[in-house]
Amino acid sequence: MDNRAIGVYDSGIGGTTVFKDLNKLLENENYIYFGDTKNLPYGTKSKEELLAISSSIFDFFAKKNVKAVVMACNTTSSMVYDEIKSRYDYEVYPIIQIAAKCIAPRYNGKMGVLATIGTVGSNKYKQALLKNNKNLEVFQQACPDWVKIVESGDYTSKKNLEIIEKCLRPLIEKGCKNIILGCTHYPYLTQVLTQMSEGKVNFINPSMDFTKFIKEDLTRKNFLSEKRLYEPEFFVSSNPEAFKIASKGFYELDKLPQLVIL
């Protein structure tokens, strides 16, 4: 058994969509969540910028003596995981590589992926899906403004609905009946997306597949915690108040996250 914490990180509140499932599946675990609200959005940043940012976050978790880090961020999973994974002596779980392996075998035909500019540009989601199922035809669509919309909490203004619909429409027009929400912020928009597609599209939140894999892997390696020693700790790099308010859609914090500058 290993009672050390599991680190979870994202550019902001998006990672709470993963943390919610992880906390439910592994309720005895201790967690440290870091939301890099100062540097969001990640989707338009260069690989060099993301590597520097991720290295600082991974160093933060190393100082916290975690046993694993969950990359609850598709953009960094796609752009820096390969370079950063072997630099640390704890387990590292990237969402794209794991989720795609779990999701791909269950589907055939046209598969859509909604993601950030960085994730789409890396082509990692498409590559991972096709690697695990040659019968898929994968279409990707970048949604550069969606993270900011989710962080703002305003999903229903006319302006934001038009922005959301503009990115969704191309995949619907291509005939995609199954669409992966390839950014952990996007499940916050599931209800809006379902209404826009008139309920004719299956929007896939990769979180449960991802967290089930993590549970199985920690179990296999005998890394599970014997008991929870403290309640989940939340840290942000800016604006704790905004994080607490915006994250209510998936996980309601009972107190403000701690502010830490890396």
C-alpha atoms as a PDB file:
ATOM      1  CA  MET A   1       0.000   0.000   0.000  1.00  0.00           C
ATOM      2  CA  ASP A   2       1.109   3.585  -0.638  1.00  0.00           C
ATOM      3  CA  ASN A   3      -0.596   6.459   1.190  1.00  0.00           C
ATOM      4  CA  ARG A   4       1.189   9.201  -0.730  1.00  0.00           C
ATOM      5  CA  ALA A   5      -1.038  11.577  -2.671  1.00  0.00           C
ATOM      6  CA  ILE A   6      -2.033  11.521  -6.323  1.00  0.00           C
ATOM      7  CA  GLY A   7      -1.408  14.794  -8.129  1.00  0.00           C
ATOM      8  CA  VAL A   8      -3.936  16.022 -10.696  1.00  0.00           C
ATOM      9  CA  TYR A   9      -3.395  19.065 -12.883  1.00  0.00           C
ATOM     10  CA  ASP A  10      -4.921  21.127 -15.656  1.00  0.00           C
ATOM     11  CA  SER A  11      -4.807  24.706 -16.912  1.00  0.00           C
ATOM     12  CA  GLY A  12      -7.861  25.495 -14.771  1.00  0.00           C
ATOM     13  CA  ILE A  13     -11.156  23.905 -13.785  1.00  0.00           C
ATOM     14  CA  GLY A  14     -11.172  21.398 -16.665  1.00  0.00           C
ATOM     15  CA  GLY A  15      -9.344  18.770 -14.652  1.00  0.00           C
ATOM     16  CA  THR A  16     -12.189  18.667 -12.141  1.00  0.00           C
ATOM     17  CA  THR A  17     -14.145  16.618 -14.711  1.00  0.00           C
ATOM     18  CA  VAL A  18     -11.487  13.929 -14.256  1.00  0.00           C
ATOM     19  CA  PHE A  19     -10.969  14.501 -10.552  1.00  0.00           C
ATOM     20  CA  LYS A  20     -14.677  13.981  -9.838  1.00  0.00           C
ATOM     21  CA  ASP A  21     -14.567  10.446 -11.278  1.00  0.00           C
ATOM     22  CA  LEU A  22     -11.165   9.681  -9.787  1.00  0.00           C
ATOM     23  CA  ASN A  23     -12.305  10.764  -6.325  1.00  0.00           C
ATOM     24  CA  LYS A  24     -15.393   8.561  -6.651  1.00  0.00           C
ATOM     25  CA  LEU A  25     -13.558   5.480  -7.919  1.00  0.00           C
ATOM     26  CA  LEU A  26     -10.635   5.779  -5.519  1.00  0.00           C
ATOM     27  CA  GLU A  27     -12.209   7.239  -2.418  1.00  0.00           C
ATOM     28  CA  ASN A  28      -9.393   6.189  -0.081  1.00  0.00           C
ATOM     29  CA  GLU A  29      -6.780   8.138  -2.022  1.00  0.00           C
ATOM     30  CA  ASN A  30      -5.251  11.452  -1.019  1.00  0.00           C
ATOM     31  CA  TYR A  31      -5.280  14.112  -3.726  1.00  0.00           C
ATOM     32  CA  ILE A  32      -3.480  17.309  -4.607  1.00  0.00           C
ATOM     33  CA  TYR A  33      -5.066  19.284  -7.465  1.00  0.00           C
ATOM     34  CA  PHE A  34      -3.280  22.112  -9.248  1.00  0.00           C
ATOM     35  CA  GLY A  35      -5.148  24.470 -11.574  1.00  0.00           C
ATOM     36  CA  ASP A  36      -2.761  26.665 -13.549  1.00  0.00           C
ATOM     37  CA  THR A  37      -5.228  29.513 -13.947  1.00  0.00           C
ATOM     38  CA  LYS A  38      -2.455  32.059 -14.421  1.00  0.00           C
ATOM     39  CA  ASN A  39      -1.311  30.470 -17.677  1.00  0.00           C
ATOM     40  CA  LEU A  40      -4.600  29.369 -19.232  1.00  0.00           C
ATOM     41  CA  PRO A  41      -5.456  28.687 -21.942  1.00  0.00           C
ATOM     42  CA  TYR A  42      -2.790  26.133 -22.846  1.00  0.00           C
ATOM     43  CA  GLY A  43      -4.211  25.434 -26.300  1.00  0.00           C
ATOM     44  CA  THR A  44      -2.451  28.299 -28.083  1.00  0.00           C
ATOM     45  CA  LYS A  45       0.928  27.971 -26.370  1.00  0.00           C
ATOM     46  CA  SER A  46       4.056  26.566 -28.014  1.00  0.00           C
ATOM     47  CA  LYS A  47       5.591  23.232 -27.098  1.00  0.00           C
ATOM     48  CA  GLU A  48       8.504  25.027 -25.453  1.00  0.00           C
ATOM     49  CA  GLU A  49       6.162  27.115 -23.297  1.00  0.00           C
ATOM     50  CA  LEU A  50       4.130  24.089 -22.268  1.00  0.00           C
ATOM     51  CA  LEU A  51       7.237  22.084 -21.443  1.00  0.00           C
ATOM     52  CA  ALA A  52       8.480  24.847 -19.141  1.00  0.00           C
ATOM     53  CA  ILE A  53       5.060  25.193 -17.495  1.00  0.00           C
ATOM     54  CA  SER A  54       4.589  21.452 -17.060  1.00  0.00           C
ATOM     55  CA  SER A  55       8.089  21.021 -15.664  1.00  0.00           C
ATOM     56  CA  SER A  56       7.303  23.590 -12.955  1.00  0.00           C
ATOM     57  CA  ILE A  57       4.085  21.776 -12.083  1.00  0.00           C
ATOM     58  CA  PHE A  58       5.798  18.383 -12.039  1.00  0.00           C
ATOM     59  CA  ASP A  59       8.494  19.854  -9.762  1.00  0.00           C
ATOM     60  CA  PHE A  60       5.731  21.120  -7.461  1.00  0.00           C
ATOM     61  CA  PHE A  61       4.281  17.631  -7.232  1.00  0.00           C
ATOM     62  CA  ALA A  62       7.723  16.131  -6.645  1.00  0.00           C
ATOM     63  CA  LYS A  63       8.170  18.434  -3.635  1.00  0.00           C
ATOM     64  CA  LYS A  64       4.785  17.209  -2.389  1.00  0.00           C
ATOM     65  CA  ASN A  65       6.137  13.634  -2.629  1.00  0.00           C
ATOM     66  CA  VAL A  66       3.250  12.318  -4.728  1.00  0.00           C
ATOM     67  CA  LYS A  67       3.168   8.747  -5.979  1.00  0.00           C
ATOM     68  CA  ALA A  68       1.525   9.625  -9.313  1.00  0.00           C
ATOM     69  CA  VAL A  69       0.555  12.582 -11.484  1.00  0.00           C
ATOM     70  CA  VAL A  70      -2.601  12.570 -13.579  1.00  0.00           C
ATOM     71  CA  MET A  71      -2.263  14.747 -16.678  1.00  0.00           C
ATOM     72  CA  ALA A  72      -5.904  15.834 -16.762  1.00  0.00           C
ATOM     73  CA  CYS A  73      -5.030  18.121 -19.652  1.00  0.00           C
ATOM     74  CA  ASN A  74      -5.262  16.942 -23.239  1.00  0.00           C
ATOM     75  CA  THR A  75      -3.010  19.691 -24.594  1.00  0.00           C
ATOM     76  CA  THR A  76      -0.004  18.850 -22.429  1.00  0.00           C
ATOM     77  CA  SER A  77      -0.675  15.120 -22.840  1.00  0.00           C
ATOM     78  CA  SER A  78      -0.429  15.593 -26.591  1.00  0.00           C
ATOM     79  CA  MET A  79       2.500  17.997 -26.712  1.00  0.00           C
ATOM     80  CA  VAL A  80       4.900  17.311 -23.826  1.00  0.00           C
ATOM     81  CA  TYR A  81       4.135  13.911 -22.275  1.00  0.00           C
ATOM     82  CA  ASP A  82       6.715  12.047 -24.363  1.00  0.00           C
ATOM     83  CA  GLU A  83       9.480  14.392 -23.233  1.00  0.00           C
ATOM     84  CA  ILE A  84       8.556  14.755 -19.586  1.00  0.00           C
ATOM     85  CA  LYS A  85       7.373  11.259 -18.621  1.00  0.00           C
ATOM     86  CA  SER A  86      10.794   9.828 -17.744  1.00  0.00           C
ATOM     87  CA  ARG A  87      12.130  12.808 -15.800  1.00  0.00           C
ATOM     88  CA  TYR A  88      10.371  11.933 -12.546  1.00  0.00           C
ATOM     89  CA  ASP A  89      10.256   8.873 -10.334  1.00  0.00           C
ATOM     90  CA  TYR A  90       6.477   8.800  -9.887  1.00  0.00           C
ATOM     91  CA  GLU A  91       3.804   7.337 -12.166  1.00  0.00           C
ATOM     92  CA  VAL A  92       2.522   9.647 -14.923  1.00  0.00           C
ATOM     93  CA  TYR A  93      -0.895   9.133 -16.534  1.00  0.00           C
ATOM     94  CA  PRO A  94      -1.616  11.093 -19.775  1.00  0.00           C
ATOM     95  CA  ILE A  95      -5.295  11.366 -20.689  1.00  0.00           C
ATOM     96  CA  ILE A  96      -5.103  11.161 -24.500  1.00  0.00           C
ATOM     97  CA  GLN A  97      -2.863   8.122 -24.803  1.00  0.00           C
ATOM     98  CA  ILE A  98      -4.861   6.161 -22.217  1.00  0.00           C
ATOM     99  CA  ALA A  99      -8.391   7.300 -23.111  1.00  0.00           C
ATOM    100  CA  ALA A 100      -7.955   6.736 -26.846  1.00  0.00           C
ATOM    101  CA  LYS A 101      -6.771   3.169 -26.218  1.00  0.00           C
ATOM    102  CA  CYS A 102      -9.896   2.485 -24.154  1.00  0.00           C
ATOM    103  CA  ILE A 103     -12.423   4.286 -26.373  1.00  0.00           C
ATOM    104  CA  ALA A 104     -11.320   3.361 -29.903  1.00  0.00           C
ATOM    105  CA  PRO A 105     -12.259  -0.367 -29.891  1.00  0.00           C
ATOM    106  CA  ARG A 106     -15.889   0.394 -29.010  1.00  0.00           C
ATOM    107  CA  TYR A 107     -16.658   2.410 -32.146  1.00  0.00           C
ATOM    108  CA  ASN A 108     -16.482   2.231 -35.931  1.00  0.00           C
ATOM    109  CA  GLY A 109     -17.033   4.709 -38.740  1.00  0.00           C
ATOM    110  CA  LYS A 110     -16.789   8.461 -38.366  1.00  0.00           C
ATOM    111  CA  MET A 111     -15.425   9.729 -35.075  1.00  0.00           C
ATOM    112  CA  GLY A 112     -15.149  13.422 -34.241  1.00  0.00           C
ATOM    113  CA  VAL A 113     -12.716  15.043 -31.808  1.00  0.00           C
ATOM    114  CA  LEU A 114     -13.297  18.497 -30.352  1.00  0.00           C
ATOM    115  CA  ALA A 115     -10.072  19.851 -28.860  1.00  0.00           C
ATOM    116  CA  THR A 116      -7.728  22.808 -28.461  1.00  0.00           C
ATOM    117  CA  ILE A 117      -5.559  24.164 -31.249  1.00  0.00           C
ATOM    118  CA  GLY A 118      -2.513  22.533 -29.662  1.00  0.00           C
ATOM    119  CA  THR A 119      -4.102  19.100 -29.376  1.00  0.00           C
ATOM    120  CA  VAL A 120      -5.451  19.156 -32.926  1.00  0.00           C
ATOM    121  CA  GLY A 121      -2.135  20.414 -34.276  1.00  0.00           C
ATOM    122  CA  SER A 122      -0.220  17.616 -32.567  1.00  0.00           C
ATOM    123  CA  ASN A 123      -2.483  15.002 -34.234  1.00  0.00           C
ATOM    124  CA  LYS A 124      -1.934  12.779 -31.173  1.00  0.00           C
ATOM    125  CA  TYR A 125      -5.623  12.009 -30.615  1.00  0.00           C
ATOM    126  CA  LYS A 126      -6.157  10.940 -34.203  1.00  0.00           C
ATOM    127  CA  GLN A 127      -2.989   8.843 -34.202  1.00  0.00           C
ATOM    128  CA  ALA A 128      -3.891   7.143 -30.930  1.00  0.00           C
ATOM    129  CA  LEU A 129      -7.450   6.359 -32.039  1.00  0.00           C
ATOM    130  CA  LEU A 130      -6.357   4.899 -35.380  1.00  0.00           C
ATOM    131  CA  LYS A 131      -3.572   2.919 -33.715  1.00  0.00           C
ATOM    132  CA  ASN A 132      -6.219   1.146 -31.648  1.00  0.00           C
ATOM    133  CA  ASN A 133      -8.895   0.838 -34.345  1.00  0.00           C
ATOM    134  CA  LYS A 134      -8.147   0.989 -38.077  1.00  0.00           C
ATOM    135  CA  ASN A 135     -11.882   1.037 -38.869  1.00  0.00           C
ATOM    136  CA  LEU A 136     -12.328   4.578 -37.583  1.00  0.00           C
ATOM    137  CA  GLU A 137     -12.411   7.686 -39.756  1.00  0.00           C
ATOM    138  CA  VAL A 138     -11.319  10.520 -37.476  1.00  0.00           C
ATOM    139  CA  PHE A 139     -12.166  14.187 -37.929  1.00  0.00           C
ATOM    140  CA  GLN A 140     -10.684  16.830 -35.615  1.00  0.00           C
ATOM    141  CA  GLN A 141     -11.995  20.317 -34.883  1.00  0.00           C
ATOM    142  CA  ALA A 142     -10.139  22.995 -32.937  1.00  0.00           C
ATOM    143  CA  CYS A 143     -12.185  25.114 -30.514  1.00  0.00           C
ATOM    144  CA  PRO A 144      -9.850  27.981 -29.539  1.00  0.00           C
ATOM    145  CA  ASP A 145     -12.332  29.913 -27.374  1.00  0.00           C
ATOM    146  CA  TRP A 146     -14.103  27.147 -25.494  1.00  0.00           C
ATOM    147  CA  VAL A 147     -11.758  27.010 -22.489  1.00  0.00           C
ATOM    148  CA  LYS A 148     -12.295  30.697 -21.775  1.00  0.00           C
ATOM    149  CA  ILE A 149     -16.054  30.250 -22.130  1.00  0.00           C
ATOM    150  CA  VAL A 150     -16.030  27.424 -19.588  1.00  0.00           C
ATOM    151  CA  GLU A 151     -13.821  29.337 -17.180  1.00  0.00           C
ATOM    152  CA  SER A 152     -16.191  32.316 -17.422  1.00  0.00           C
ATOM    153  CA  GLY A 153     -19.179  30.155 -16.511  1.00  0.00           C
ATOM    154  CA  ASP A 154     -21.237  31.838 -19.245  1.00  0.00           C
ATOM    155  CA  TYR A 155     -22.483  29.060 -21.519  1.00  0.00           C
ATOM    156  CA  THR A 156     -25.753  30.633 -22.607  1.00  0.00           C
ATOM    157  CA  SER A 157     -25.085  34.146 -23.905  1.00  0.00           C
ATOM    158  CA  LYS A 158     -25.871  34.592 -27.583  1.00  0.00           C
ATOM    159  CA  LYS A 159     -22.250  35.395 -28.411  1.00  0.00           C
ATOM    160  CA  ASN A 160     -20.850  32.319 -26.690  1.00  0.00           C
ATOM    161  CA  LEU A 161     -23.513  30.005 -28.077  1.00  0.00           C
ATOM    162  CA  GLU A 162     -22.589  31.178 -31.568  1.00  0.00           C
ATOM    163  CA  ILE A 163     -18.897  30.471 -30.876  1.00  0.00           C
ATOM    164  CA  ILE A 164     -19.708  26.983 -29.598  1.00  0.00           C
ATOM    165  CA  GLU A 165     -22.027  26.184 -32.489  1.00  0.00           C
ATOM    166  CA  LYS A 166     -19.498  27.368 -35.083  1.00  0.00           C
ATOM    167  CA  CYS A 167     -16.977  24.745 -33.912  1.00  0.00           C
ATOM    168  CA  LEU A 168     -19.506  21.957 -33.508  1.00  0.00           C
ATOM    169  CA  ARG A 169     -21.181  22.374 -36.911  1.00  0.00           C
ATOM    170  CA  PRO A 170     -18.316  21.057 -39.129  1.00  0.00           C
ATOM    171  CA  LEU A 171     -18.246  17.685 -37.337  1.00  0.00           C
ATOM    172  CA  ILE A 172     -22.015  17.315 -37.552  1.00  0.00           C
ATOM    173  CA  GLU A 173     -21.916  18.189 -41.246  1.00  0.00           C
ATOM    174  CA  LYS A 174     -19.277  15.466 -41.738  1.00  0.00           C
ATOM    175  CA  GLY A 175     -21.712  12.957 -40.260  1.00  0.00           C
ATOM    176  CA  CYS A 176     -19.965  12.283 -36.957  1.00  0.00           C
ATOM    177  CA  LYS A 177     -22.429  10.598 -34.610  1.00  0.00           C
ATOM    178  CA  ASN A 178     -19.807  10.024 -31.929  1.00  0.00           C
ATOM    179  CA  ILE A 179     -17.680  12.962 -30.811  1.00  0.00           C
ATOM    180  CA  ILE A 180     -14.937  12.899 -28.180  1.00  0.00           C
ATOM    181  CA  LEU A 181     -14.693  15.899 -25.871  1.00  0.00           C
ATOM    182  CA  GLY A 182     -10.935  16.156 -26.275  1.00  0.00           C
ATOM    183  CA  CYS A 183     -10.364  18.823 -23.649  1.00  0.00           C
ATOM    184  CA  THR A 184     -11.253  18.299 -20.007  1.00  0.00           C
ATOM    185  CA  HIS A 185     -13.006  21.680 -19.942  1.00  0.00           C
ATOM    186  CA  TYR A 186     -15.519  20.620 -22.596  1.00  0.00           C
ATOM    187  CA  PRO A 187     -17.713  18.272 -20.487  1.00  0.00           C
ATOM    188  CA  TYR A 188     -18.959  21.454 -18.807  1.00  0.00           C
ATOM    189  CA  LEU A 189     -20.651  22.152 -22.170  1.00  0.00           C
ATOM    190  CA  THR A 190     -22.280  18.723 -22.595  1.00  0.00           C
ATOM    191  CA  GLN A 191     -25.821  19.952 -22.050  1.00  0.00           C
ATOM    192  CA  VAL A 192     -25.376  22.829 -24.499  1.00  0.00           C
ATOM    193  CA  LEU A 193     -23.789  20.564 -27.119  1.00  0.00           C
ATOM    194  CA  THR A 194     -26.546  17.968 -26.759  1.00  0.00           C
ATOM    195  CA  GLN A 195     -29.200  20.608 -27.309  1.00  0.00           C
ATOM    196  CA  MET A 196     -27.384  22.010 -30.341  1.00  0.00           C
ATOM    197  CA  SER A 197     -27.129  18.561 -31.915  1.00  0.00           C
ATOM    198  CA  GLU A 198     -30.783  17.846 -31.093  1.00  0.00           C
ATOM    199  CA  GLY A 199     -29.716  14.772 -29.151  1.00  0.00           C
ATOM    200  CA  LYS A 200     -28.475  13.029 -32.293  1.00  0.00           C
ATOM    201  CA  VAL A 201     -24.793  12.940 -31.294  1.00  0.00           C
ATOM    202  CA  ASN A 202     -23.101  10.865 -28.610  1.00  0.00           C
ATOM    203  CA  PHE A 203     -20.636  13.156 -26.840  1.00  0.00           C
ATOM    204  CA  ILE A 204     -17.925  11.063 -25.218  1.00  0.00           C
ATOM    205  CA  ASN A 205     -16.357  12.256 -21.989  1.00  0.00           C
ATOM    206  CA  PRO A 206     -13.093  10.252 -21.740  1.00  0.00           C
ATOM    207  CA  SER A 207     -12.860  10.740 -17.977  1.00  0.00           C
ATOM    208  CA  MET A 208     -14.396   7.464 -16.793  1.00  0.00           C
ATOM    209  CA  ASP A 209     -12.294   5.313 -19.136  1.00  0.00           C
ATOM    210  CA  PHE A 210      -9.221   7.255 -18.055  1.00  0.00           C
ATOM    211  CA  THR A 211      -9.878   6.971 -14.336  1.00  0.00           C
ATOM    212  CA  LYS A 212     -10.810   3.280 -14.524  1.00  0.00           C
ATOM    213  CA  PHE A 213      -7.445   2.598 -16.167  1.00  0.00           C
ATOM    214  CA  ILE A 214      -5.657   4.524 -13.410  1.00  0.00           C
ATOM    215  CA  LYS A 215      -7.442   2.512 -10.732  1.00  0.00           C
ATOM    216  CA  GLU A 216      -6.567  -0.774 -12.429  1.00  0.00           C
ATOM    217  CA  ASP A 217      -2.936   0.242 -12.865  1.00  0.00           C
ATOM    218  CA  LEU A 218      -2.483   1.408  -9.271  1.00  0.00           C
ATOM    219  CA  THR A 219      -4.141  -1.801  -8.065  1.00  0.00           C
ATOM    220  CA  ARG A 220      -1.881  -3.964 -10.209  1.00  0.00           C
ATOM    221  CA  LYS A 221       1.221  -2.169  -8.904  1.00  0.00           C
ATOM    222  CA  ASN A 222       0.003  -2.307  -5.290  1.00  0.00           C
ATOM    223  CA  PHE A 223       0.083   1.512  -5.096  1.00  0.00           C
ATOM    224  CA  LEU A 224      -3.387   2.006  -3.630  1.00  0.00           C
ATOM    225  CA  SER A 225      -3.749   3.996  -0.435  1.00  0.00           C
ATOM    226  CA  GLU A 226      -4.813   2.151   2.704  1.00  0.00           C
ATOM    227  CA  LYS A 227      -6.921   5.089   3.862  1.00  0.00           C
ATOM    228  CA  ARG A 228      -7.540   8.769   3.207  1.00  0.00           C
ATOM    229  CA  LEU A 229      -5.399  10.835   5.542  1.00  0.00           C
ATOM    230  CA  TYR A 230      -6.742  14.276   4.573  1.00  0.00           C
ATOM    231  CA  GLU A 231      -9.324  15.889   2.356  1.00  0.00           C
ATOM    232  CA  PRO A 232      -8.316  16.759  -1.244  1.00  0.00           C
ATOM    233  CA  GLU A 233      -6.096  19.825  -1.419  1.00  0.00           C
ATOM    234  CA  PHE A 234      -6.605  22.364  -4.194  1.00  0.00           C
ATOM    235  CA  PHE A 235      -4.005  24.835  -5.420  1.00  0.00           C
ATOM    236  CA  VAL A 236      -4.197  27.486  -8.157  1.00  0.00           C
ATOM    237  CA  SER A 237      -1.700  29.899  -9.677  1.00  0.00           C
ATOM    238  CA  SER A 238      -4.152  32.843  -9.694  1.00  0.00           C
ATOM    239  CA  ASN A 239      -7.655  33.953  -8.738  1.00  0.00           C
ATOM    240  CA  PRO A 240      -8.811  31.318  -6.220  1.00  0.00           C
ATOM    241  CA  GLU A 241     -12.263  32.899  -5.965  1.00  0.00           C
ATOM    242  CA  ALA A 242     -12.991  32.515  -9.673  1.00  0.00           C
ATOM    243  CA  PHE A 243     -11.825  28.892  -9.625  1.00  0.00           C
ATOM    244  CA  LYS A 244     -14.101  28.013  -6.714  1.00  0.00           C
ATOM    245  CA  ILE A 245     -17.130  29.558  -8.432  1.00  0.00           C
ATOM    246  CA  ALA A 246     -16.479  28.150 -11.908  1.00  0.00           C
ATOM    247  CA  SER A 247     -15.728  24.607 -10.746  1.00  0.00           C
ATOM    248  CA  LYS A 248     -19.181  24.126  -9.173  1.00  0.00           C
ATOM    249  CA  GLY A 249     -20.428  22.484 -12.349  1.00  0.00           C
ATOM    250  CA  PHE A 250     -18.431  19.343 -11.539  1.00  0.00           C
ATOM    251  CA  TYR A 251     -16.896  19.618  -8.088  1.00  0.00           C
ATOM    252  CA  GLU A 252     -17.931  22.051  -5.382  1.00  0.00           C
ATOM    253  CA  LEU A 253     -15.087  23.106  -3.116  1.00  0.00           C
ATOM    254  CA  ASP A 254     -15.906  23.754   0.540  1.00  0.00           C
ATOM    255  CA  LYS A 255     -13.174  26.390   0.771  1.00  0.00           C
ATOM    256  CA  LEU A 256     -10.987  28.507  -1.487  1.00  0.00           C
ATOM    257  CA  PRO A 257      -8.056  26.751  -3.164  1.00  0.00           C
ATOM    258  CA  GLN A 258      -4.619  27.780  -1.974  1.00  0.00           C
ATOM    259  CA  LEU A 259      -2.710  30.280  -4.095  1.00  0.00           C
ATOM    260  CA  VAL A 260       0.785  29.169  -5.066  1.00  0.00           C
ATOM    261  CA  ILE A 261       3.233  30.774  -7.490  1.00  0.00           C
ATOM    262  CA  LEU A 262       5.522  28.257  -9.157  1.00  0.00           C
END
